[in-house]
Amino acid sequence: MESYEVRFGINNVMDDDPPLSAQVGSGAGNGNTYPQVYDALGRFVFMGLTAKF
């Protein structure tokens, strides 16, 4: 079992919506929010497995 590694995580556990802004336009923003700061997709679950032979 020492040659296996399992990773699991959840981003945005509470599924909070990002704040909307009328100031965000076509430049740095997308979908009325800042995608560099807020995850507009909502909850994201991920898992990974590494096996060493």
N, C-alpha and C. Protein backbone atom coordinates (compact mmCIF):
# COMPACT_ATOMS: atom_id res chain seq x y z
N MET A 1 0.81 -1.20 0.00
CA MET A 1 0.00 0.00 0.00
C MET A 1 0.86 1.27 0.00
N GLU A 2 2.17 1.17 0.25
CA GLU A 2 3.00 2.36 0.28
C GLU A 2 3.23 2.94 -1.11
N SER A 3 2.96 2.19 -2.16
CA SER A 3 3.19 2.68 -3.51
C SER A 3 1.94 3.34 -4.13
N TYR A 4 0.89 3.54 -3.35
CA TYR A 4 -0.33 4.16 -3.83
C TYR A 4 -0.59 5.45 -3.08
N GLU A 5 -1.09 6.43 -3.80
CA GLU A 5 -1.45 7.71 -3.19
C GLU A 5 -2.81 8.13 -3.75
N VAL A 6 -3.76 8.44 -2.85
CA VAL A 6 -5.10 8.86 -3.25
C VAL A 6 -5.32 10.28 -2.77
N ARG A 7 -5.83 11.13 -3.66
CA ARG A 7 -6.15 12.51 -3.32
C ARG A 7 -7.63 12.75 -3.59
N PHE A 8 -8.25 13.55 -2.74
CA PHE A 8 -9.66 13.86 -2.87
C PHE A 8 -9.89 15.26 -2.36
N GLY A 9 -10.73 16.02 -3.03
CA GLY A 9 -11.00 17.37 -2.56
C GLY A 9 -12.29 17.92 -3.14
N ILE A 10 -12.76 19.00 -2.53
CA ILE A 10 -13.96 19.70 -2.97
C ILE A 10 -13.68 21.19 -2.92
N ASN A 11 -13.87 21.87 -4.03
CA ASN A 11 -13.79 23.33 -4.08
C ASN A 11 -15.21 23.89 -4.00
N ASN A 12 -15.38 24.97 -3.25
CA ASN A 12 -16.67 25.63 -3.08
C ASN A 12 -17.69 24.67 -2.48
N VAL A 13 -17.38 24.16 -1.30
CA VAL A 13 -18.20 23.15 -0.62
C VAL A 13 -19.64 23.63 -0.41
N MET A 14 -19.82 24.88 -0.05
CA MET A 14 -21.15 25.41 0.23
C MET A 14 -21.89 25.84 -1.04
N ASP A 15 -21.25 25.70 -2.21
CA ASP A 15 -21.83 26.07 -3.50
C ASP A 15 -22.31 27.52 -3.50
N ASP A 16 -21.46 28.42 -2.99
CA ASP A 16 -21.78 29.85 -2.97
C ASP A 16 -21.67 30.44 -4.37
N ASP A 17 -22.62 31.30 -4.72
CA ASP A 17 -22.58 32.00 -6.00
C ASP A 17 -21.62 33.18 -5.90
N PRO A 18 -20.88 33.48 -6.97
CA PRO A 18 -19.99 34.63 -6.94
C PRO A 18 -20.80 35.92 -7.00
N PRO A 19 -20.26 37.00 -6.46
CA PRO A 19 -20.98 38.28 -6.55
C PRO A 19 -20.99 38.78 -7.99
N LEU A 20 -22.10 39.36 -8.40
CA LEU A 20 -22.21 39.91 -9.74
C LEU A 20 -21.84 41.38 -9.73
N SER A 21 -21.29 41.86 -10.82
CA SER A 21 -20.85 43.24 -10.91
C SER A 21 -21.22 43.80 -12.26
N ALA A 22 -21.81 44.99 -12.26
CA ALA A 22 -22.13 45.67 -13.51
C ALA A 22 -20.89 46.30 -14.11
N GLN A 23 -19.80 46.42 -13.34
CA GLN A 23 -18.57 47.04 -13.81
C GLN A 23 -17.71 46.10 -14.65
N VAL A 24 -17.98 44.81 -14.58
CA VAL A 24 -17.17 43.84 -15.30
C VAL A 24 -17.70 43.73 -16.73
N GLY A 25 -16.84 44.01 -17.68
CA GLY A 25 -17.26 43.97 -19.07
C GLY A 25 -16.54 42.88 -19.84
N SER A 26 -16.22 43.17 -21.06
CA SER A 26 -15.58 42.17 -21.91
C SER A 26 -14.08 42.06 -21.66
N GLY A 27 -13.49 42.97 -20.90
CA GLY A 27 -12.05 42.95 -20.67
C GLY A 27 -11.62 41.83 -19.74
N ALA A 28 -11.52 42.13 -18.45
CA ALA A 28 -11.02 41.16 -17.47
C ALA A 28 -12.11 40.26 -16.92
N GLY A 29 -13.37 40.54 -17.23
CA GLY A 29 -14.45 39.77 -16.63
C GLY A 29 -15.13 38.85 -17.62
N ASN A 30 -15.96 37.97 -17.05
CA ASN A 30 -16.70 37.02 -17.86
C ASN A 30 -17.95 36.63 -17.08
N GLY A 31 -19.12 36.79 -17.67
CA GLY A 31 -20.35 36.40 -16.98
C GLY A 31 -20.67 37.28 -15.79
N ASN A 32 -20.33 38.57 -15.86
CA ASN A 32 -20.59 39.54 -14.81
C ASN A 32 -19.86 39.26 -13.51
N THR A 33 -18.75 38.54 -13.55
CA THR A 33 -17.93 38.31 -12.37
C THR A 33 -16.47 38.20 -12.80
N TYR A 34 -15.57 38.13 -11.86
CA TYR A 34 -14.15 38.01 -12.15
C TYR A 34 -13.73 36.53 -12.08
N PRO A 35 -13.51 35.85 -13.20
CA PRO A 35 -13.18 34.43 -13.17
C PRO A 35 -11.81 34.14 -12.55
N GLN A 36 -10.92 35.13 -12.46
CA GLN A 36 -9.62 34.93 -11.82
C GLN A 36 -9.76 34.84 -10.31
N VAL A 37 -10.85 35.39 -9.76
CA VAL A 37 -11.05 35.44 -8.31
C VAL A 37 -12.11 34.46 -7.84
N TYR A 38 -13.21 34.34 -8.60
CA TYR A 38 -14.34 33.52 -8.19
C TYR A 38 -14.57 32.37 -9.16
N ASP A 39 -14.97 31.23 -8.64
CA ASP A 39 -15.29 30.07 -9.46
C ASP A 39 -16.77 30.13 -9.80
N ALA A 40 -17.09 30.52 -11.01
CA ALA A 40 -18.49 30.70 -11.42
C ALA A 40 -19.20 29.37 -11.69
N LEU A 41 -18.47 28.27 -11.74
CA LEU A 41 -19.09 26.98 -12.04
C LEU A 41 -19.76 26.33 -10.84
N GLY A 42 -19.47 26.81 -9.64
CA GLY A 42 -20.08 26.22 -8.45
C GLY A 42 -19.20 25.15 -7.84
N ARG A 43 -19.83 24.17 -7.19
CA ARG A 43 -19.11 23.10 -6.49
C ARG A 43 -18.33 22.24 -7.48
N PHE A 44 -17.11 21.86 -7.08
CA PHE A 44 -16.24 21.06 -7.94
C PHE A 44 -15.60 19.98 -7.08
N VAL A 45 -15.85 18.72 -7.41
CA VAL A 45 -15.31 17.58 -6.67
C VAL A 45 -14.24 16.92 -7.53
N PHE A 46 -13.10 16.59 -6.92
CA PHE A 46 -12.04 15.95 -7.68
C PHE A 46 -11.39 14.83 -6.88
N MET A 47 -10.80 13.89 -7.60
CA MET A 47 -10.11 12.76 -6.99
C MET A 47 -8.97 12.35 -7.91
N GLY A 48 -7.86 11.90 -7.30
CA GLY A 48 -6.73 11.45 -8.09
C GLY A 48 -6.08 10.25 -7.45
N LEU A 49 -5.45 9.42 -8.25
CA LEU A 49 -4.77 8.23 -7.78
C LEU A 49 -3.42 8.15 -8.45
N THR A 50 -2.37 7.93 -7.65
CA THR A 50 -1.02 7.72 -8.17
C THR A 50 -0.54 6.36 -7.72
N ALA A 51 -0.06 5.57 -8.67
CA ALA A 51 0.48 4.23 -8.36
C ALA A 51 1.92 4.19 -8.84
N LYS A 52 2.83 3.77 -7.97
CA LYS A 52 4.24 3.64 -8.32
C LYS A 52 4.59 2.17 -8.47
N PHE A 53 5.19 1.83 -9.60
CA PHE A 53 5.54 0.44 -9.87
C PHE A 53 7.03 0.25 -9.75
